[in-house]
Amino acid sequence: MSDDFNMSMRKFLKQVGVTSQQAIEEAMRNAETSGKTFDAKVVLTVDGLDLEHVVTGKITGQD
């Protein structure tokens, strides 16, 4: 893979990570989350490619 491809991939994934964390933190600040565990799911699709990648996990609220 080319350096341009790798850089664009890393830039996109960094944007996904940073903006997703910000959105989750804001939602959790606006809700009662103490001691609760939330199921989380991310679905990644890429237009023009036959790609659907699903990541699931759990996020625990702060006390």
N, C-alpha and C. Protein backbone atom coordinates (compact mmCIF):
# COMPACT_ATOMS: atom_id res chain seq x y z
N MET A 1 0.83 -1.17 0.00
CA MET A 1 0.00 0.00 0.00
C MET A 1 0.88 1.25 0.00
N SER A 2 0.40 2.30 -0.61
CA SER A 2 1.20 3.51 -0.75
C SER A 2 1.20 4.33 0.54
N ASP A 3 2.18 5.23 0.64
CA ASP A 3 2.25 6.12 1.79
C ASP A 3 1.02 7.03 1.86
N ASP A 4 0.53 7.49 0.69
CA ASP A 4 -0.67 8.34 0.67
C ASP A 4 -1.87 7.59 1.22
N PHE A 5 -2.00 6.33 0.83
CA PHE A 5 -3.11 5.51 1.34
C PHE A 5 -3.00 5.37 2.86
N ASN A 6 -1.81 5.01 3.34
CA ASN A 6 -1.62 4.82 4.78
C ASN A 6 -1.91 6.10 5.55
N MET A 7 -1.47 7.23 5.04
CA MET A 7 -1.70 8.50 5.73
C MET A 7 -3.19 8.86 5.74
N SER A 8 -3.88 8.65 4.62
CA SER A 8 -5.31 8.98 4.59
C SER A 8 -6.09 8.04 5.51
N MET A 9 -5.69 6.77 5.57
CA MET A 9 -6.33 5.80 6.46
C MET A 9 -6.13 6.21 7.91
N ARG A 10 -4.91 6.53 8.28
CA ARG A 10 -4.61 6.93 9.66
C ARG A 10 -5.36 8.21 10.04
N LYS A 11 -5.42 9.17 9.13
CA LYS A 11 -6.13 10.42 9.39
C LYS A 11 -7.62 10.16 9.63
N PHE A 12 -8.22 9.31 8.79
CA PHE A 12 -9.63 8.97 8.95
C PHE A 12 -9.87 8.27 10.28
N LEU A 13 -9.06 7.25 10.59
CA LEU A 13 -9.26 6.49 11.83
C LEU A 13 -9.04 7.36 13.06
N LYS A 14 -8.10 8.30 13.00
CA LYS A 14 -7.90 9.22 14.11
C LYS A 14 -9.13 10.09 14.31
N GLN A 15 -9.69 10.59 13.20
CA GLN A 15 -10.90 11.41 13.27
C GLN A 15 -12.05 10.61 13.86
N VAL A 16 -12.20 9.36 13.45
CA VAL A 16 -13.25 8.48 13.99
C VAL A 16 -13.07 8.32 15.49
N GLY A 17 -11.85 8.02 15.91
CA GLY A 17 -11.59 7.78 17.32
C GLY A 17 -11.83 9.01 18.18
N VAL A 18 -11.30 10.14 17.75
CA VAL A 18 -11.42 11.37 18.54
C VAL A 18 -12.86 11.84 18.61
N THR A 19 -13.54 11.90 17.47
CA THR A 19 -14.92 12.41 17.48
C THR A 19 -15.87 11.45 18.18
N SER A 20 -15.61 10.15 18.06
CA SER A 20 -16.45 9.17 18.76
C SER A 20 -16.30 9.29 20.26
N GLN A 21 -15.07 9.44 20.72
CA GLN A 21 -14.85 9.60 22.16
C GLN A 21 -15.53 10.85 22.67
N GLN A 22 -15.43 11.95 21.94
CA GLN A 22 -16.08 13.19 22.35
C GLN A 22 -17.59 13.02 22.43
N ALA A 23 -18.18 12.36 21.45
CA ALA A 23 -19.63 12.16 21.44
C ALA A 23 -20.08 11.28 22.60
N ILE A 24 -19.33 10.23 22.89
CA ILE A 24 -19.68 9.33 24.00
C ILE A 24 -19.56 10.07 25.32
N GLU A 25 -18.47 10.82 25.51
CA GLU A 25 -18.28 11.55 26.75
C GLU A 25 -19.40 12.57 26.98
N GLU A 26 -19.79 13.28 25.92
CA GLU A 26 -20.87 14.26 26.05
C GLU A 26 -22.19 13.58 26.41
N ALA A 27 -22.50 12.49 25.76
CA ALA A 27 -23.75 11.77 26.05
C ALA A 27 -23.76 11.25 27.48
N MET A 28 -22.60 10.78 27.95
CA MET A 28 -22.54 10.24 29.31
C MET A 28 -22.61 11.35 30.35
N ARG A 29 -22.08 12.54 30.03
CA ARG A 29 -22.20 13.68 30.96
C ARG A 29 -23.66 14.10 31.11
N ASN A 30 -24.44 13.93 30.06
CA ASN A 30 -25.83 14.36 30.05
C ASN A 30 -26.80 13.28 30.53
N ALA A 31 -26.29 12.19 31.05
CA ALA A 31 -27.15 11.10 31.51
C ALA A 31 -26.62 10.59 32.85
N GLU A 32 -27.46 9.90 33.58
CA GLU A 32 -27.06 9.27 34.83
C GLU A 32 -26.40 7.94 34.47
N THR A 33 -25.08 7.88 34.57
CA THR A 33 -24.36 6.69 34.11
C THR A 33 -23.61 5.97 35.22
N SER A 34 -23.65 6.48 36.43
CA SER A 34 -22.87 5.93 37.53
C SER A 34 -23.14 4.43 37.72
N GLY A 35 -22.10 3.64 37.57
CA GLY A 35 -22.20 2.21 37.79
C GLY A 35 -22.89 1.42 36.70
N LYS A 36 -23.40 2.09 35.69
CA LYS A 36 -24.10 1.39 34.61
C LYS A 36 -23.11 0.98 33.52
N THR A 37 -23.45 -0.10 32.84
CA THR A 37 -22.66 -0.55 31.71
C THR A 37 -23.53 -0.47 30.47
N PHE A 38 -22.97 0.07 29.41
CA PHE A 38 -23.69 0.29 28.17
C PHE A 38 -23.09 -0.57 27.06
N ASP A 39 -23.95 -1.21 26.30
CA ASP A 39 -23.51 -1.92 25.10
C ASP A 39 -23.26 -0.88 24.01
N ALA A 40 -22.13 -1.00 23.33
CA ALA A 40 -21.79 -0.06 22.27
C ALA A 40 -21.53 -0.83 20.98
N LYS A 41 -21.87 -0.19 19.87
CA LYS A 41 -21.63 -0.81 18.56
C LYS A 41 -21.27 0.26 17.55
N VAL A 42 -20.27 -0.02 16.76
CA VAL A 42 -19.87 0.85 15.65
C VAL A 42 -19.99 0.04 14.38
N VAL A 43 -20.64 0.62 13.38
CA VAL A 43 -20.77 -0.03 12.07
C VAL A 43 -20.04 0.85 11.06
N LEU A 44 -19.02 0.29 10.44
CA LEU A 44 -18.22 1.02 9.45
C LEU A 44 -18.56 0.51 8.06
N THR A 45 -18.94 1.42 7.19
CA THR A 45 -19.16 1.08 5.79
C THR A 45 -18.33 2.04 4.94
N VAL A 46 -17.96 1.58 3.76
CA VAL A 46 -17.20 2.42 2.84
C VAL A 46 -17.93 2.41 1.51
N ASP A 47 -18.40 3.59 1.09
CA ASP A 47 -19.08 3.70 -0.20
C ASP A 47 -18.17 3.20 -1.31
N GLY A 48 -18.71 2.41 -2.19
CA GLY A 48 -17.95 1.90 -3.33
C GLY A 48 -17.23 0.59 -3.05
N LEU A 49 -17.21 0.17 -1.80
CA LEU A 49 -16.60 -1.11 -1.45
C LEU A 49 -17.65 -1.98 -0.79
N ASP A 50 -17.52 -3.26 -0.95
CA ASP A 50 -18.43 -4.20 -0.30
C ASP A 50 -17.90 -4.44 1.11
N LEU A 51 -18.07 -3.44 1.98
CA LEU A 51 -17.50 -3.51 3.32
C LEU A 51 -18.53 -3.08 4.35
N GLU A 52 -18.74 -3.93 5.32
CA GLU A 52 -19.48 -3.58 6.53
C GLU A 52 -18.74 -4.25 7.68
N HIS A 53 -18.12 -3.43 8.50
CA HIS A 53 -17.32 -3.92 9.63
C HIS A 53 -18.00 -3.48 10.91
N VAL A 54 -18.28 -4.43 11.80
CA VAL A 54 -18.99 -4.14 13.04
C VAL A 54 -18.06 -4.40 14.22
N VAL A 55 -17.99 -3.43 15.13
CA VAL A 55 -17.23 -3.57 16.36
C VAL A 55 -18.20 -3.37 17.52
N THR A 56 -18.19 -4.30 18.46
CA THR A 56 -19.06 -4.18 19.62
C THR A 56 -18.21 -4.20 20.89
N GLY A 57 -18.77 -3.63 21.95
CA GLY A 57 -18.07 -3.61 23.21
C GLY A 57 -18.97 -3.06 24.29
N LYS A 58 -18.38 -2.86 25.46
CA LYS A 58 -19.11 -2.33 26.60
C LYS A 58 -18.38 -1.11 27.14
N ILE A 59 -19.16 -0.12 27.60
CA ILE A 59 -18.60 1.09 28.20
C ILE A 59 -19.25 1.23 29.57
N THR A 60 -18.43 1.38 30.60
CA THR A 60 -18.93 1.51 31.96
C THR A 60 -18.89 2.97 32.40
N GLY A 61 -20.01 3.42 32.95
CA GLY A 61 -20.10 4.80 33.42
C GLY A 61 -19.22 5.04 34.64
N GLN A 62 -18.87 6.29 34.85
CA GLN A 62 -18.04 6.66 36.00
C GLN A 62 -18.87 6.83 37.25
N ASP A 63 -18.25 6.58 38.37
CA ASP A 63 -18.92 6.77 39.66
C ASP A 63 -18.87 8.22 40.07
